[in-house]
């Protein structure tokens, strides 16, 4: 089953750059560590060699996962998106109905999410609660503190 994810041009390029870095520099570093550990003698009692081989396995797993993500990635053109309702790449201005706090978030893919940059994952409970809502709707988001309600004030595409 393919798991298609949608990205901005920048987000997908960042993933491709990370994948390239792991395949080149990451693999070279691990090979160097394994060679250094192998030079220290008996491999059956060599903790450094075992650690380097474990690190190699983890690196290859990460590379494999990134290759799958990049292979299933699709770039979204923001100019073709509908701004009448919240969708991926929407920038949403919301108001907490309990304390009247106004916040602005952009709904992005899971890998691009960065709360400090006000980018929330489309797969997060918060993102899921906002998806499909229109200006004036009240979104209910399940949080550890209980259900929070947010009024949708504005929807734009950056």
Protein backbone atom coordinates (compact mmCIF):
# COMPACT_ATOMS: atom_id res chain seq x y z
CA UNK A 1 0.00 0.00 0.00
CA UNK A 2 1.48 3.34 -1.03
CA UNK A 3 1.45 6.13 1.46
CA UNK A 4 1.41 9.29 -0.66
CA UNK A 5 2.38 12.50 1.13
CA UNK A 6 2.15 16.05 -0.15
CA UNK A 7 4.95 18.59 0.15
CA UNK A 8 5.95 22.08 -0.80
CA UNK A 9 8.84 22.36 -3.26
CA UNK A 10 11.12 23.42 -0.39
CA UNK A 11 10.00 20.58 1.88
CA UNK A 12 10.62 17.92 -0.74
CA UNK A 13 14.01 19.42 -1.65
CA UNK A 14 15.00 19.34 2.04
CA UNK A 15 14.16 15.61 2.19
CA UNK A 16 16.13 14.91 -1.00
CA UNK A 17 19.12 16.82 0.36
CA UNK A 18 19.02 14.85 3.61
CA UNK A 19 18.79 11.58 1.69
CA UNK A 20 21.76 12.54 -0.48
CA UNK A 21 23.77 13.53 2.62
CA UNK A 22 23.06 10.18 4.29
CA UNK A 23 23.94 8.20 1.17
CA UNK A 24 27.24 9.98 0.60
CA UNK A 25 28.73 11.41 3.79
CA UNK A 26 26.80 9.16 6.19
CA UNK A 27 27.82 5.92 4.48
CA UNK A 28 31.43 7.11 4.13
CA UNK A 29 31.62 7.94 7.86
CA UNK A 30 30.22 4.54 8.85
CA UNK A 31 32.62 2.71 6.49
CA UNK A 32 35.51 4.60 8.07
CA UNK A 33 34.35 3.66 11.59
CA UNK A 34 34.04 -0.01 10.60
CA UNK A 35 37.51 0.01 9.02
CA UNK A 36 39.06 1.61 12.11
CA UNK A 37 37.37 -0.91 14.40
CA UNK A 38 38.41 -3.82 12.15
CA UNK A 39 42.05 -2.65 12.38
CA UNK A 40 41.94 -3.09 16.17
CA UNK A 41 42.02 -6.85 15.97
CA UNK A 42 39.71 -9.70 16.98
CA UNK A 43 36.21 -8.89 15.78
CA UNK A 44 34.49 -11.37 18.12
CA UNK A 45 35.37 -9.22 21.16
CA UNK A 46 35.44 -5.81 19.50
CA UNK A 47 32.69 -3.57 20.92
CA UNK A 48 33.63 -0.71 18.59
CA UNK A 49 33.12 -2.96 15.57
CA UNK A 50 29.73 -4.11 16.87
CA UNK A 51 28.67 -0.52 17.54
CA UNK A 52 29.78 0.59 14.06
CA UNK A 53 27.87 -2.30 12.43
CA UNK A 54 24.76 -1.39 14.48
CA UNK A 55 25.12 2.25 13.38
CA UNK A 56 25.43 1.07 9.78
CA UNK A 57 22.18 -0.90 10.10
CA UNK A 58 20.36 2.11 11.55
CA UNK A 59 21.71 4.38 8.81
CA UNK A 60 20.58 1.99 6.08
CA UNK A 61 17.13 1.77 7.71
CA UNK A 62 16.87 5.58 7.76
CA UNK A 63 18.00 5.77 4.11
CA UNK A 64 15.42 3.15 3.14
CA UNK A 65 12.60 5.02 4.90
CA UNK A 66 13.62 8.34 3.33
CA UNK A 67 13.77 6.73 -0.13
CA UNK A 68 10.22 5.44 0.38
CA UNK A 69 8.99 8.85 1.54
CA UNK A 70 10.65 10.66 -1.39
CA UNK A 71 9.37 8.03 -3.81
CA UNK A 72 5.79 8.54 -2.63
CA UNK A 73 6.03 12.34 -2.34
CA UNK A 74 3.95 14.66 -4.46
CA UNK A 75 4.53 18.40 -4.77
CA UNK A 76 1.49 20.59 -4.30
CA UNK A 77 1.07 23.76 -6.31
CA UNK A 78 -0.46 26.25 -3.88
CA UNK A 79 -2.00 28.30 -6.70
CA UNK A 80 -4.41 25.46 -7.54
CA UNK A 81 -5.71 24.92 -4.01
CA UNK A 82 -9.19 25.91 -2.87
CA UNK A 83 -9.08 28.59 -0.14
CA UNK A 84 -12.74 28.16 0.81
CA UNK A 85 -11.84 25.34 3.20
CA UNK A 86 -8.80 24.20 5.19
CA UNK A 87 -6.54 21.76 3.37
CA UNK A 88 -2.84 20.91 3.29
CA UNK A 89 -0.73 24.06 2.71
CA UNK A 90 -3.54 26.28 3.99
CA UNK A 91 -2.52 29.05 6.35
CA UNK A 92 -5.31 29.28 8.88
CA UNK A 93 -6.01 32.13 11.27
CA UNK A 94 -7.97 30.78 14.23
CA UNK A 95 -9.37 32.11 17.49
CA UNK A 96 -9.60 30.06 20.66
CA UNK A 97 -13.26 30.43 21.68
CA UNK A 98 -12.43 30.04 25.38
CA UNK A 99 -9.76 32.75 25.80
CA UNK A 100 -10.03 34.68 22.48
CA UNK A 101 -6.36 34.03 21.61
CA UNK A 102 -5.75 34.43 17.86
CA UNK A 103 -3.14 32.17 16.21
CA UNK A 104 -2.02 31.48 12.67
CA UNK A 105 -0.81 28.07 11.51
CA UNK A 106 0.10 26.48 8.20
CA UNK A 107 -1.03 22.89 7.65
CA UNK A 108 1.89 20.87 6.23
CA UNK A 109 3.04 17.26 5.81
CA UNK A 110 4.22 15.36 8.86
CA UNK A 111 7.90 15.70 7.92
CA UNK A 112 7.64 19.48 7.40
CA UNK A 113 5.87 20.16 10.71
CA UNK A 114 7.67 22.70 12.93
CA UNK A 115 5.69 24.23 15.77
CA UNK A 116 8.26 27.02 16.24
CA UNK A 117 7.58 28.09 12.64
CA UNK A 118 3.79 27.70 13.17
CA UNK A 119 3.66 24.70 10.81
CA UNK A 120 1.47 21.87 12.08
CA UNK A 121 1.14 18.37 10.69
CA UNK A 122 -1.90 17.47 8.65
CA UNK A 123 -1.87 14.15 10.56
CA UNK A 124 -1.80 15.72 14.05
CA UNK A 125 -5.04 15.90 16.07
CA UNK A 126 -4.92 19.68 15.66
CA UNK A 127 -4.44 19.45 11.90
CA UNK A 128 -7.15 16.81 11.59
CA UNK A 129 -9.56 19.00 13.56
CA UNK A 130 -9.04 21.93 11.19
CA UNK A 131 -9.17 20.04 7.87
CA UNK A 132 -12.22 20.73 5.74
CA UNK A 133 -13.48 23.61 7.89
CA UNK A 134 -14.56 26.92 6.32
CA UNK A 135 -14.31 30.51 7.53
CA UNK A 136 -16.80 30.96 10.38
CA UNK A 137 -16.83 27.24 11.31
CA UNK A 138 -15.82 26.12 14.78
CA UNK A 139 -13.30 23.30 14.86
CA UNK A 140 -13.20 20.97 17.84
CA UNK A 141 -9.74 19.63 18.64
CA UNK A 142 -9.17 16.86 21.15
CA UNK A 143 -6.26 17.80 23.41
CA UNK A 144 -4.89 16.25 26.60
CA UNK A 145 -6.64 19.06 28.52
CA UNK A 146 -9.96 18.19 26.87
CA UNK A 147 -11.80 19.36 23.77
CA UNK A 148 -10.72 22.80 22.58
CA UNK A 149 -12.80 24.91 20.19
CA UNK A 150 -11.35 27.22 17.57
CA UNK A 151 -13.22 29.56 15.24
CA UNK A 152 -11.80 29.74 11.71
CA UNK A 153 -11.19 33.45 10.97
CA UNK A 154 -9.28 33.31 7.66
CA UNK A 155 -7.86 30.78 5.18
CA UNK A 156 -5.07 31.65 2.76
CA UNK A 157 -2.42 29.83 0.72
CA UNK A 158 1.17 31.01 1.00
